[in-house]
PDB file of N, CA and C in Angstrom:
ATOM      1  N   UNK A   1      -0.477 -58.592  18.153  1.00  0.00           N
ATOM      2  CA  UNK A   1      -1.352 -58.836  17.022  1.00  0.00           C
ATOM      3  C   UNK A   1      -1.383 -60.321  16.677  1.00  0.00           C
ATOM      4  N   UNK A   2      -0.171 -60.956  16.619  1.00  0.00           N
ATOM      5  CA  UNK A   2      -0.127 -62.379  16.288  1.00  0.00           C
ATOM      6  C   UNK A   2      -0.847 -63.203  17.348  1.00  0.00           C
ATOM      7  N   UNK A   3      -0.728 -62.778  18.618  1.00  0.00           N
ATOM      8  CA  UNK A   3      -1.373 -63.515  19.698  1.00  0.00           C
ATOM      9  C   UNK A   3      -2.882 -63.472  19.561  1.00  0.00           C
ATOM     10  N   UNK A   4      -3.437 -62.308  19.234  1.00  0.00           N
ATOM     11  CA  UNK A   4      -4.886 -62.215  19.097  1.00  0.00           C
ATOM     12  C   UNK A   4      -5.386 -63.016  17.902  1.00  0.00           C
ATOM     13  N   UNK A   5      -4.638 -63.037  16.821  1.00  0.00           N
ATOM     14  CA  UNK A   5      -5.018 -63.842  15.653  1.00  0.00           C
ATOM     15  C   UNK A   5      -4.992 -65.316  16.017  1.00  0.00           C
ATOM     16  N   UNK A   6      -3.971 -65.733  16.774  1.00  0.00           N
ATOM     17  CA  UNK A   6      -3.867 -67.128  17.203  1.00  0.00           C
ATOM     18  C   UNK A   6      -5.041 -67.493  18.103  1.00  0.00           C
ATOM     19  N   UNK A   7      -5.407 -66.615  19.028  1.00  0.00           N
ATOM     20  CA  UNK A   7      -6.535 -66.898  19.920  1.00  0.00           C
ATOM     21  C   UNK A   7      -7.841 -67.028  19.150  1.00  0.00           C
ATOM     22  N   UNK A   8      -8.052 -66.172  18.165  1.00  0.00           N
ATOM     23  CA  UNK A   8      -9.258 -66.259  17.339  1.00  0.00           C
ATOM     24  C   UNK A   8      -9.263 -67.574  16.558  1.00  0.00           C
ATOM     25  N   UNK A   9      -8.118 -67.962  16.014  1.00  0.00           N
ATOM     26  CA  UNK A   9      -8.024 -69.213  15.260  1.00  0.00           C
ATOM     27  C   UNK A   9      -8.302 -70.420  16.149  1.00  0.00           C
ATOM     28  N   UNK A  10      -7.753 -70.424  17.357  1.00  0.00           N
ATOM     29  CA  UNK A  10      -7.981 -71.535  18.289  1.00  0.00           C
ATOM     30  C   UNK A  10      -9.454 -71.590  18.682  1.00  0.00           C
ATOM     31  N   UNK A  11     -10.056 -70.447  18.968  1.00  0.00           N
ATOM     32  CA  UNK A  11     -11.475 -70.415  19.331  1.00  0.00           C
ATOM     33  C   UNK A  11     -12.340 -70.945  18.188  1.00  0.00           C
ATOM     34  N   UNK A  12     -12.012 -70.567  16.968  1.00  0.00           N
ATOM     35  CA  UNK A  12     -12.772 -71.045  15.807  1.00  0.00           C
ATOM     36  C   UNK A  12     -12.611 -72.550  15.638  1.00  0.00           C
ATOM     37  N   UNK A  13     -11.397 -73.040  15.853  1.00  0.00           N
ATOM     38  CA  UNK A  13     -11.132 -74.467  15.730  1.00  0.00           C
ATOM     39  C   UNK A  13     -11.924 -75.256  16.762  1.00  0.00           C
ATOM     40  N   UNK A  14     -11.941 -74.783  18.000  1.00  0.00           N
ATOM     41  CA  UNK A  14     -12.692 -75.471  19.041  1.00  0.00           C
ATOM     42  C   UNK A  14     -14.195 -75.397  18.782  1.00  0.00           C
ATOM     43  N   UNK A  15     -14.662 -74.272  18.300  1.00  0.00           N
ATOM     44  CA  UNK A  15     -16.090 -74.113  18.009  1.00  0.00           C
ATOM     45  C   UNK A  15     -16.535 -75.002  16.854  1.00  0.00           C
ATOM     46  N   UNK A  16     -15.614 -75.305  15.948  1.00  0.00           N
ATOM     47  CA  UNK A  16     -15.976 -76.123  14.789  1.00  0.00           C
ATOM     48  C   UNK A  16     -16.024 -77.608  15.112  1.00  0.00           C
ATOM     49  N   UNK A  17     -15.698 -77.975  16.360  1.00  0.00           N
ATOM     50  CA  UNK A  17     -15.800 -79.378  16.753  1.00  0.00           C
ATOM     51  C   UNK A  17     -14.518 -80.148  16.599  1.00  0.00           C
ATOM     52  N   UNK A  18     -13.405 -79.499  16.347  1.00  0.00           N
ATOM     53  CA  UNK A  18     -12.137 -80.211  16.204  1.00  0.00           C
ATOM     54  C   UNK A  18     -11.700 -80.801  17.523  1.00  0.00           C
ATOM     55  N   UNK A  19     -12.164 -80.242  18.621  1.00  0.00           N
ATOM     56  CA  UNK A  19     -11.917 -80.828  19.926  1.00  0.00           C
ATOM     57  C   UNK A  19     -10.494 -80.677  20.398  1.00  0.00           C
ATOM     58  N   UNK A  20     -10.006 -81.712  21.058  1.00  0.00           N
ATOM     59  CA  UNK A  20      -8.726 -81.660  21.745  1.00  0.00           C
ATOM     60  C   UNK A  20      -7.580 -82.256  20.947  1.00  0.00           C
ATOM     61  N   UNK A  21      -7.676 -82.383  19.660  1.00  0.00           N
ATOM     62  CA  UNK A  21      -6.651 -83.082  18.897  1.00  0.00           C
ATOM     63  C   UNK A  21      -5.248 -82.561  19.186  1.00  0.00           C
ATOM     64  N   UNK A  22      -5.031 -81.269  19.079  1.00  0.00           N
ATOM     65  CA  UNK A  22      -3.747 -80.702  19.454  1.00  0.00           C
ATOM     66  C   UNK A  22      -3.976 -79.913  20.734  1.00  0.00           C
ATOM     67  N   UNK A  23      -3.607 -80.474  21.868  1.00  0.00           N
ATOM     68  CA  UNK A  23      -3.852 -79.846  23.160  1.00  0.00           C
ATOM     69  C   UNK A  23      -2.995 -78.606  23.322  1.00  0.00           C
ATOM     70  N   UNK A  24      -3.487 -77.639  24.091  1.00  0.00           N
ATOM     71  CA  UNK A  24      -2.769 -76.389  24.293  1.00  0.00           C
ATOM     72  C   UNK A  24      -2.142 -76.298  25.674  1.00  0.00           C
ATOM     73  N   UNK A  25      -2.574 -77.117  26.628  1.00  0.00           N
ATOM     74  CA  UNK A  25      -1.975 -77.066  27.953  1.00  0.00           C
ATOM     75  C   UNK A  25      -1.845 -78.476  28.491  1.00  0.00           C
ATOM     76  N   UNK A  26      -0.813 -78.667  29.274  1.00  0.00           N
ATOM     77  CA  UNK A  26      -0.539 -80.003  29.803  1.00  0.00           C
ATOM     78  C   UNK A  26      -0.864 -80.069  31.267  1.00  0.00           C
ATOM     79  N   UNK A  27      -1.484 -81.151  31.660  1.00  0.00           N
ATOM     80  CA  UNK A  27      -1.651 -81.401  33.072  1.00  0.00           C
ATOM     81  C   UNK A  27      -0.335 -81.959  33.611  1.00  0.00           C
ATOM     82  N   UNK A  28      -0.200 -82.032  34.902  1.00  0.00           N
ATOM     83  CA  UNK A  28       1.049 -82.516  35.475  1.00  0.00           C
ATOM     84  C   UNK A  28       1.328 -83.981  35.141  1.00  0.00           C
ATOM     85  N   UNK A  29       0.294 -84.737  34.721  1.00  0.00           N
ATOM     86  CA  UNK A  29       0.466 -86.151  34.439  1.00  0.00           C
ATOM     87  C   UNK A  29       0.721 -86.485  32.984  1.00  0.00           C
ATOM     88  N   UNK A  30       1.025 -85.498  32.144  1.00  0.00           N
ATOM     89  CA  UNK A  30       1.238 -85.778  30.720  1.00  0.00           C
ATOM     90  C   UNK A  30       2.477 -86.643  30.538  1.00  0.00           C
ATOM     91  N   UNK A  31       2.304 -87.790  29.900  1.00  0.00           N
ATOM     92  CA  UNK A  31       3.410 -88.712  29.639  1.00  0.00           C
ATOM     93  C   UNK A  31       4.151 -88.277  28.387  1.00  0.00           C
ATOM     94  N   UNK A  32       5.404 -88.706  28.264  1.00  0.00           N
ATOM     95  CA  UNK A  32       6.183 -88.418  27.065  1.00  0.00           C
ATOM     96  C   UNK A  32       6.232 -89.656  26.188  1.00  0.00           C
ATOM     97  N   UNK A  33       5.882 -89.483  24.912  1.00  0.00           N
ATOM     98  CA  UNK A  33       5.994 -90.529  23.900  1.00  0.00           C
ATOM     99  C   UNK A  33       7.149 -90.107  22.993  1.00  0.00           C
ATOM    100  N   UNK A  34       8.116 -91.003  22.787  1.00  0.00           N
ATOM    101  CA  UNK A  34       9.321 -90.660  22.041  1.00  0.00           C
ATOM    102  C   UNK A  34       9.330 -91.301  20.663  1.00  0.00           C
ATOM    103  N   UNK A  35       9.661 -90.490  19.652  1.00  0.00           N
ATOM    104  CA  UNK A  35       9.923 -90.983  18.299  1.00  0.00           C
ATOM    105  C   UNK A  35      11.439 -90.922  18.128  1.00  0.00           C
ATOM    106  N   UNK A  36      12.039 -92.080  17.802  1.00  0.00           N
ATOM    107  CA  UNK A  36      13.496 -92.159  17.710  1.00  0.00           C
ATOM    108  C   UNK A  36      13.932 -92.748  16.374  1.00  0.00           C
ATOM    109  N   UNK A  37      15.138 -92.382  15.959  1.00  0.00           N
ATOM    110  CA  UNK A  37      15.753 -92.932  14.753  1.00  0.00           C
ATOM    111  C   UNK A  37      16.226 -94.344  15.053  1.00  0.00           C
ATOM    112  N   UNK A  38      15.875 -95.279  14.179  1.00  0.00           N
ATOM    113  CA  UNK A  38      16.323 -96.662  14.328  1.00  0.00           C
ATOM    114  C   UNK A  38      16.132 -97.366  12.990  1.00  0.00           C
ATOM    115  N   UNK A  39      17.157 -98.014  12.506  1.00  0.00           N
ATOM    116  CA  UNK A  39      17.062 -98.774  11.260  1.00  0.00           C
ATOM    117  C   UNK A  39      16.784-100.229  11.546  1.00  0.00           C
ATOM    118  N   UNK A  40      16.071-100.947  10.711  1.00  0.00           N
ATOM    119  CA  UNK A  40      15.435-100.474   9.488  1.00  0.00           C
ATOM    120  C   UNK A  40      14.133 -99.740   9.800  1.00  0.00           C
ATOM    121  N   UNK A  41      13.670 -98.952   8.866  1.00  0.00           N
ATOM    122  CA  UNK A  41      12.400 -98.269   8.998  1.00  0.00           C
ATOM    123  C   UNK A  41      12.510 -96.808   9.334  1.00  0.00           C
ATOM    124  N   UNK A  42      13.688 -96.362   9.710  1.00  0.00           N
ATOM    125  CA  UNK A  42      14.001 -94.964   9.969  1.00  0.00           C
ATOM    126  C   UNK A  42      13.490 -94.462  11.315  1.00  0.00           C
ATOM    127  N   UNK A  43      12.190 -94.369  11.528  1.00  0.00           N
ATOM    128  CA  UNK A  43      11.699 -93.828  12.788  1.00  0.00           C
ATOM    129  C   UNK A  43      10.675 -94.762  13.414  1.00  0.00           C
ATOM    130  N   UNK A  44      10.697 -94.785  14.753  1.00  0.00           N
ATOM    131  CA  UNK A  44       9.875 -95.688  15.548  1.00  0.00           C
ATOM    132  C   UNK A  44       9.458 -94.984  16.833  1.00  0.00           C
ATOM    133  N   UNK A  45       8.381 -95.470  17.447  1.00  0.00           N
ATOM    134  CA  UNK A  45       8.100 -95.112  18.833  1.00  0.00           C
ATOM    135  C   UNK A  45       8.983 -96.001  19.693  1.00  0.00           C
ATOM    136  N   UNK A  46       9.465 -95.482  20.815  1.00  0.00           N
ATOM    137  CA  UNK A  46      10.141 -96.332  21.790  1.00  0.00           C
ATOM    138  C   UNK A  46       9.188 -96.508  22.957  1.00  0.00           C
ATOM    139  N   UNK A  47       8.902 -97.761  23.295  1.00  0.00           N
ATOM    140  CA  UNK A  47       7.964 -98.066  24.376  1.00  0.00           C
ATOM    141  C   UNK A  47       8.423 -99.325  25.097  1.00  0.00           C
ATOM    142  N   UNK A  48       8.658 -99.207  26.382  1.00  0.00           N
ATOM    143  CA  UNK A  48       9.074-100.355  27.206  1.00  0.00           C
ATOM    144  C   UNK A  48      10.300-101.058  26.642  1.00  0.00           C
ATOM    145  N   UNK A  49      11.260-100.286  26.142  1.00  0.00           N
ATOM    146  CA  UNK A  49      12.500-100.856  25.622  1.00  0.00           C
ATOM    147  C   UNK A  49      12.385-101.482  24.244  1.00  0.00           C
ATOM    148  N   UNK A  50      11.250-101.299  23.574  1.00  0.00           N
ATOM    149  CA  UNK A  50      11.036-101.868  22.245  1.00  0.00           C
ATOM    150  C   UNK A  50      10.751-100.758  21.251  1.00  0.00           C
ATOM    151  N   UNK A  51      10.966-101.058  19.969  1.00  0.00           N
ATOM    152  CA  UNK A  51      10.635-100.144  18.879  1.00  0.00           C
ATOM    153  C   UNK A  51       9.344-100.626  18.235  1.00  0.00           C
ATOM    154  N   UNK A  52       8.310 -99.747  18.184  1.00  0.00           N
ATOM    155  CA  UNK A  52       7.009-100.118  17.634  1.00  0.00           C
ATOM    156  C   UNK A  52       6.519 -99.047  16.671  1.00  0.00           C
ATOM    157  N   UNK A  53       5.667 -99.459  15.710  1.00  0.00           N
ATOM    158  CA  UNK A  53       5.110 -98.524  14.722  1.00  0.00           C
ATOM    159  C   UNK A  53       3.740 -98.001  15.123  1.00  0.00           C
ATOM    160  N   UNK A  54       3.046 -98.701  16.007  1.00  0.00           N
ATOM    161  CA  UNK A  54       1.725 -98.299  16.469  1.00  0.00           C
ATOM    162  C   UNK A  54       1.730 -98.290  17.987  1.00  0.00           C
ATOM    163  N   UNK A  55       1.125 -97.255  18.568  1.00  0.00           N
ATOM    164  CA  UNK A  55       1.126 -97.124  20.025  1.00  0.00           C
ATOM    165  C   UNK A  55      -0.202 -96.525  20.468  1.00  0.00           C
ATOM    166  N   UNK A  56      -0.774 -97.077  21.534  1.00  0.00           N
ATOM    167  CA  UNK A  56      -1.989 -96.539  22.148  1.00  0.00           C
ATOM    168  C   UNK A  56      -1.659 -96.162  23.582  1.00  0.00           C
ATOM    169  N   UNK A  57      -1.966 -94.915  23.954  1.00  0.00           N
ATOM    170  CA  UNK A  57      -1.645 -94.418  25.296  1.00  0.00           C
ATOM    171  C   UNK A  57      -2.799 -93.575  25.827  1.00  0.00           C
ATOM    172  N   UNK A  58      -2.844 -93.428  27.157  1.00  0.00           N
ATOM    173  CA  UNK A  58      -3.799 -92.521  27.786  1.00  0.00           C
ATOM    174  C   UNK A  58      -3.226 -91.118  27.706  1.00  0.00           C
ATOM    175  N   UNK A  59      -4.063 -90.148  27.427  1.00  0.00           N
ATOM    176  CA  UNK A  59      -3.569 -88.792  27.207  1.00  0.00           C
ATOM    177  C   UNK A  59      -3.871 -87.865  28.348  1.00  0.00           C
ATOM    178  N   UNK A  60      -3.424 -86.640  28.228  1.00  0.00           N
ATOM    179  CA  UNK A  60      -2.652 -86.094  27.114  1.00  0.00           C
ATOM    180  C   UNK A  60      -1.207 -86.581  27.162  1.00  0.00           C
ATOM    181  N   UNK A  61      -0.513 -86.454  26.034  1.00  0.00           N
ATOM    182  CA  UNK A  61       0.890 -86.870  25.954  1.00  0.00           C
ATOM    183  C   UNK A  61       1.733 -85.773  25.323  1.00  0.00           C
ATOM    184  N   UNK A  62       3.018 -85.815  25.634  1.00  0.00           N
ATOM    185  CA  UNK A  62       3.989 -84.952  24.969  1.00  0.00           C
ATOM    186  C   UNK A  62       4.735 -85.843  23.982  1.00  0.00           C
ATOM    187  N   UNK A  63       4.672 -85.511  22.705  1.00  0.00           N
ATOM    188  CA  UNK A  63       5.370 -86.260  21.671  1.00  0.00           C
ATOM    189  C   UNK A  63       6.754 -85.643  21.493  1.00  0.00           C
ATOM    190  N   UNK A  64       7.803 -86.410  21.772  1.00  0.00           N
ATOM    191  CA  UNK A  64       9.182 -85.932  21.671  1.00  0.00           C
ATOM    192  C   UNK A  64       9.798 -86.468  20.378  1.00  0.00           C
ATOM    193  N   UNK A  65      10.365 -85.572  19.565  1.00  0.00           N
ATOM    194  CA  UNK A  65      10.955 -85.950  18.285  1.00  0.00           C
ATOM    195  C   UNK A  65      12.473 -86.049  18.412  1.00  0.00           C
ATOM    196  N   UNK A  66      12.990 -87.276  18.430  1.00  0.00           N
ATOM    197  CA  UNK A  66      14.427 -87.513  18.420  1.00  0.00           C
ATOM    198  C   UNK A  66      14.832 -88.263  17.152  1.00  0.00           C
ATOM    199  N   UNK A  67      14.088 -88.015  16.076  1.00  0.00           N
ATOM    200  CA  UNK A  67      14.384 -88.589  14.769  1.00  0.00           C
ATOM    201  C   UNK A  67      15.447 -87.728  14.093  1.00  0.00           C
ATOM    202  N   UNK A  68      15.758 -88.005  12.837  1.00  0.00           N
ATOM    203  CA  UNK A  68      16.799 -87.249  12.132  1.00  0.00           C
ATOM    204  C   UNK A  68      16.270 -86.033  11.381  1.00  0.00           C
ATOM    205  N   UNK A  69      14.949 -85.872  11.310  1.00  0.00           N
ATOM    206  CA  UNK A  69      14.350 -84.738  10.608  1.00  0.00           C
ATOM    207  C   UNK A  69      13.022 -84.386  11.272  1.00  0.00           C
ATOM    208  N   UNK A  70      12.421 -83.297  10.819  1.00  0.00           N
ATOM    209  CA  UNK A  70      11.128 -82.870  11.341  1.00  0.00           C
ATOM    210  C   UNK A  70      10.062 -83.920  11.036  1.00  0.00           C
ATOM    211  N   UNK A  71       9.030 -83.939  11.866  1.00  0.00           N
ATOM    212  CA  UNK A  71       7.911 -84.860  11.682  1.00  0.00           C
ATOM    213  C   UNK A  71       6.665 -84.084  11.285  1.00  0.00           C
ATOM    214  N   UNK A  72       5.809 -84.755  10.524  1.00  0.00           N
ATOM    215  CA  UNK A  72       4.478 -84.233  10.226  1.00  0.00           C
ATOM    216  C   UNK A  72       3.491 -85.062  11.035  1.00  0.00           C
ATOM    217  N   UNK A  73       2.756 -84.395  11.916  1.00  0.00           N
ATOM    218  CA  UNK A  73       1.808 -85.057  12.798  1.00  0.00           C
ATOM    219  C   UNK A  73       0.412 -84.662  12.321  1.00  0.00           C
ATOM    220  N   UNK A  74      -0.297 -85.625  11.742  1.00  0.00           N
ATOM    221  CA  UNK A  74      -1.605 -85.351  11.142  1.00  0.00           C
ATOM    222  C   UNK A  74      -2.725 -85.940  11.992  1.00  0.00           C
ATOM    223  N   UNK A  75      -3.804 -85.158  12.131  1.00  0.00           N
ATOM    224  CA  UNK A  75      -5.011 -85.606  12.823  1.00  0.00           C
ATOM    225  C   UNK A  75      -6.206 -84.953  12.132  1.00  0.00           C
ATOM    226  N   UNK A  76      -7.406 -85.178  12.680  1.00  0.00           N
ATOM    227  CA  UNK A  76      -8.602 -84.529  12.128  1.00  0.00           C
ATOM    228  C   UNK A  76      -8.502 -83.010  12.206  1.00  0.00           C
ATOM    229  N   UNK A  77      -7.745 -82.507  13.177  1.00  0.00           N
ATOM    230  CA  UNK A  77      -7.621 -81.057  13.371  1.00  0.00           C
ATOM    231  C   UNK A  77      -6.637 -80.413  12.402  1.00  0.00           C
ATOM    232  N   UNK A  78      -5.887 -81.213  11.654  1.00  0.00           N
ATOM    233  CA  UNK A  78      -4.921 -80.657  10.715  1.00  0.00           C
ATOM    234  C   UNK A  78      -3.564 -81.321  10.848  1.00  0.00           C
ATOM    235  N   UNK A  79      -2.557 -80.644  10.318  1.00  0.00           N
ATOM    236  CA  UNK A  79      -1.194 -81.175  10.326  1.00  0.00           C
ATOM    237  C   UNK A  79      -0.279 -80.184  11.033  1.00  0.00           C
ATOM    238  N   UNK A  80       0.522 -80.709  11.958  1.00  0.00           N
ATOM    239  CA  UNK A  80       1.527 -79.906  12.651  1.00  0.00           C
ATOM    240  C   UNK A  80       2.908 -80.408  12.243  1.00  0.00           C
ATOM    241  N   UNK A  81       3.838 -79.482  12.073  1.00  0.00           N
ATOM    242  CA  UNK A  81       5.228 -79.829  11.787  1.00  0.00           C
ATOM    243  C   UNK A  81       6.002 -79.726  13.093  1.00  0.00           C
ATOM    244  N   UNK A  82       6.703 -80.810  13.453  1.00  0.00           N
ATOM    245  CA  UNK A  82       7.427 -80.855  14.719  1.00  0.00           C
ATOM    246  C   UNK A  82       8.924 -80.960  14.447  1.00  0.00           C
ATOM    247  N   UNK A  83       9.665 -79.969  14.894  1.00  0.00           N
ATOM    248  CA  UNK A  83      11.108 -79.932  14.676  1.00  0.00           C
ATOM    249  C   UNK A  83      11.829 -80.986  15.525  1.00  0.00           C
ATOM    250  N   UNK A  84      13.025 -81.349  15.101  1.00  0.00           N
ATOM    251  CA  UNK A  84      13.855 -82.294  15.839  1.00  0.00           C
ATOM    252  C   UNK A  84      14.198 -81.705  17.208  1.00  0.00           C
ATOM    253  N   UNK A  85      14.091 -82.546  18.239  1.00  0.00           N
ATOM    254  CA  UNK A  85      14.421 -82.123  19.592  1.00  0.00           C
ATOM    255  C   UNK A  85      13.311 -81.395  20.317  1.00  0.00           C
ATOM    256  N   UNK A  86      12.182 -81.182  19.672  1.00  0.00           N
ATOM    257  CA  UNK A  86      11.059 -80.462  20.273  1.00  0.00           C
ATOM    258  C   UNK A  86       9.979 -81.430  20.736  1.00  0.00           C
ATOM    259  N   UNK A  87       9.101 -80.929  21.606  1.00  0.00           N
ATOM    260  CA  UNK A  87       7.967 -81.713  22.085  1.00  0.00           C
ATOM    261  C   UNK A  87       6.676 -81.032  21.653  1.00  0.00           C
ATOM    262  N   UNK A  88       5.675 -81.852  21.365  1.00  0.00           N
ATOM    263  CA  UNK A  88       4.366 -81.382  20.938  1.00  0.00           C
ATOM    264  C   UNK A  88       3.327 -82.024  21.837  1.00  0.00           C
ATOM    265  N   UNK A  89       2.462 -81.229  22.441  1.00  0.00           N
ATOM    266  CA  UNK A  89       1.433 -81.739  23.328  1.00  0.00           C
ATOM    267  C   UNK A  89       0.230 -82.192  22.509  1.00  0.00           C
ATOM    268  N   UNK A  90      -0.214 -83.427  22.749  1.00  0.00           N
ATOM    269  CA  UNK A  90      -1.335 -84.002  22.004  1.00  0.00           C
ATOM    270  C   UNK A  90      -2.431 -84.455  22.953  1.00  0.00           C
ATOM    271  N   UNK A  91      -3.662 -84.123  22.611  1.00  0.00           N
ATOM    272  CA  UNK A  91      -4.829 -84.580  23.349  1.00  0.00           C
ATOM    273  C   UNK A  91      -5.399 -85.826  22.702  1.00  0.00           C
ATOM    274  N   UNK A  92      -6.613 -86.177  23.071  1.00  0.00           N
ATOM    275  CA  UNK A  92      -7.272 -87.370  22.533  1.00  0.00           C
ATOM    276  C   UNK A  92      -7.387 -87.294  21.017  1.00  0.00           C
ATOM    277  N   UNK A  93      -7.134 -88.422  20.372  1.00  0.00           N
ATOM    278  CA  UNK A  93      -7.270 -88.485  18.923  1.00  0.00           C
ATOM    279  C   UNK A  93      -6.381 -89.548  18.319  1.00  0.00           C
ATOM    280  N   UNK A  94      -6.479 -89.657  17.007  1.00  0.00           N
ATOM    281  CA  UNK A  94      -5.647 -90.588  16.236  1.00  0.00           C
ATOM    282  C   UNK A  94      -4.698 -89.748  15.397  1.00  0.00           C
ATOM    283  N   UNK A  95      -3.418 -90.057  15.467  1.00  0.00           N
ATOM    284  CA  UNK A  95      -2.382 -89.274  14.793  1.00  0.00           C
ATOM    285  C   UNK A  95      -1.586 -90.164  13.851  1.00  0.00           C
ATOM    286  N   UNK A  96      -1.370 -89.685  12.643  1.00  0.00           N
ATOM    287  CA  UNK A  96      -0.512 -90.343  11.650  1.00  0.00           C
ATOM    288  C   UNK A  96       0.773 -89.518  11.594  1.00  0.00           C
ATOM    289  N   UNK A  97       1.904 -90.175  11.781  1.00  0.00           N
ATOM    290  CA  UNK A  97       3.172 -89.461  11.892  1.00  0.00           C
ATOM    291  C   UNK A  97       4.129 -89.941  10.817  1.00  0.00           C
ATOM    292  N   UNK A  98       4.625 -88.990  10.018  1.00  0.00           N
ATOM    293  CA  UNK A  98       5.618 -89.283   8.991  1.00  0.00           C
ATOM    294  C   UNK A  98       6.746 -88.269   9.102  1.00  0.00           C
ATOM    295  N   UNK A  99       7.880 -88.613   8.553  1.00  0.00           N
ATOM    296  CA  UNK A  99       9.023 -87.711   8.550  1.00  0.00           C
ATOM    297  C   UNK A  99       8.966 -86.841   7.296  1.00  0.00           C
ATOM    298  N   UNK A 100       9.360 -85.591   7.421  1.00  0.00           N
ATOM    299  CA  UNK A 100       9.408 -84.694   6.270  1.00  0.00           C
ATOM    300  C   UNK A 100      10.391 -85.271   5.253  1.00  0.00           C
ATOM    301  N   UNK A 101       9.954 -85.434   4.005  1.00  0.00           N
ATOM    302  CA  UNK A 101      10.818 -85.947   2.942  1.00  0.00           C
ATOM    303  C   UNK A 101      11.213 -87.403   3.099  1.00  0.00           C
ATOM    304  N   UNK A 102      10.395 -88.184   3.781  1.00  0.00           N
ATOM    305  CA  UNK A 102      10.790 -89.571   4.035  1.00  0.00           C
ATOM    306  C   UNK A 102      10.721 -90.427   2.776  1.00  0.00           C
ATOM    307  N   UNK A 103      11.536 -91.459   2.755  1.00  0.00           N
ATOM    308  CA  UNK A 103      11.544 -92.424   1.653  1.00  0.00           C
ATOM    309  C   UNK A 103      10.273 -93.267   1.704  1.00  0.00           C
ATOM    310  N   UNK A 104       9.829 -93.786   0.559  1.00  0.00           N
ATOM    311  CA  UNK A 104       8.587 -94.569   0.524  1.00  0.00           C
ATOM    312  C   UNK A 104       8.611 -95.811   1.417  1.00  0.00           C
ATOM    313  N   UNK A 105       9.795 -96.364   1.668  1.00  0.00           N
ATOM    314  CA  UNK A 105       9.868 -97.581   2.475  1.00  0.00           C
ATOM    315  C   UNK A 105      10.065 -97.308   3.969  1.00  0.00           C
ATOM    316  N   UNK A 106      10.082 -96.035   4.377  1.00  0.00           N
ATOM    317  CA  UNK A 106      10.184 -95.698   5.798  1.00  0.00           C
ATOM    318  C   UNK A 106       8.854 -95.954   6.494  1.00  0.00           C
ATOM    319  N   UNK A 107       8.930 -96.125   7.814  1.00  0.00           N
ATOM    320  CA  UNK A 107       7.738 -96.393   8.619  1.00  0.00           C
ATOM    321  C   UNK A 107       6.763 -95.220   8.627  1.00  0.00           C
ATOM    322  N   UNK A 108       5.487 -95.571   8.655  1.00  0.00           N
ATOM    323  CA  UNK A 108       4.406 -94.614   8.906  1.00  0.00           C
ATOM    324  C   UNK A 108       3.879 -94.964  10.293  1.00  0.00           C
ATOM    325  N   UNK A 109       3.979 -94.032  11.232  1.00  0.00           N
ATOM    326  CA  UNK A 109       3.615 -94.301  12.606  1.00  0.00           C
ATOM    327  C   UNK A 109       2.153 -93.920  12.874  1.00  0.00           C
ATOM    328  N   UNK A 110       1.523 -94.649  13.790  1.00  0.00           N
ATOM    329  CA  UNK A 110       0.158 -94.351  14.198  1.00  0.00           C
ATOM    330  C   UNK A 110       0.123 -94.270  15.725  1.00  0.00           C
ATOM    331  N   UNK A 111      -0.334 -93.137  16.237  1.00  0.00           N
ATOM    332  CA  UNK A 111      -0.455 -92.922  17.675  1.00  0.00           C
ATOM    333  C   UNK A 111      -1.922 -92.687  18.012  1.00  0.00           C
ATOM    334  N   UNK A 112      -2.439 -93.473  18.948  1.00  0.00           N
ATOM    335  CA  UNK A 112      -3.805 -93.310  19.422  1.00  0.00           C
ATOM    336  C   UNK A 112      -3.730 -92.818  20.860  1.00  0.00           C
ATOM    337  N   UNK A 113      -4.293 -91.636  21.096  1.00  0.00           N
ATOM    338  CA  UNK A 113      -4.307 -91.055  22.437  1.00  0.00           C
ATOM    339  C   UNK A 113      -5.744 -91.112  22.924  1.00  0.00           C
ATOM    340  N   UNK A 114      -5.968 -91.836  24.019  1.00  0.00           N
ATOM    341  CA  UNK A 114      -7.332 -91.989  24.581  1.00  0.00           C
ATOM    342  C   UNK A 114      -7.595 -90.949  25.624  1.00  0.00           C
TER     343      UNK A 114
END
């Protein structure tokens, strides 16, 4: 029953033009983008050995959460909650990423998937 409700919801979302914001299947070439705990700022993307707040990558990507708490990943298609240690597949779109219950001075991350 839950599966059929989920399929109807996904079909409605795609029909409404939300597109590929939260991808449902990964091709073999999906890269992993990592969010890691690092002070100051609490959470960062790790890219090429550096910590950055904004990242642009070719998609689809798997977003890996290695922060200290769950993340909220927001796009035009809605908001997904990503648990620590889990991966979330993302298609083309712009994503705003914050930590659940984060302090006002913590980083707000922006991920652009082309």
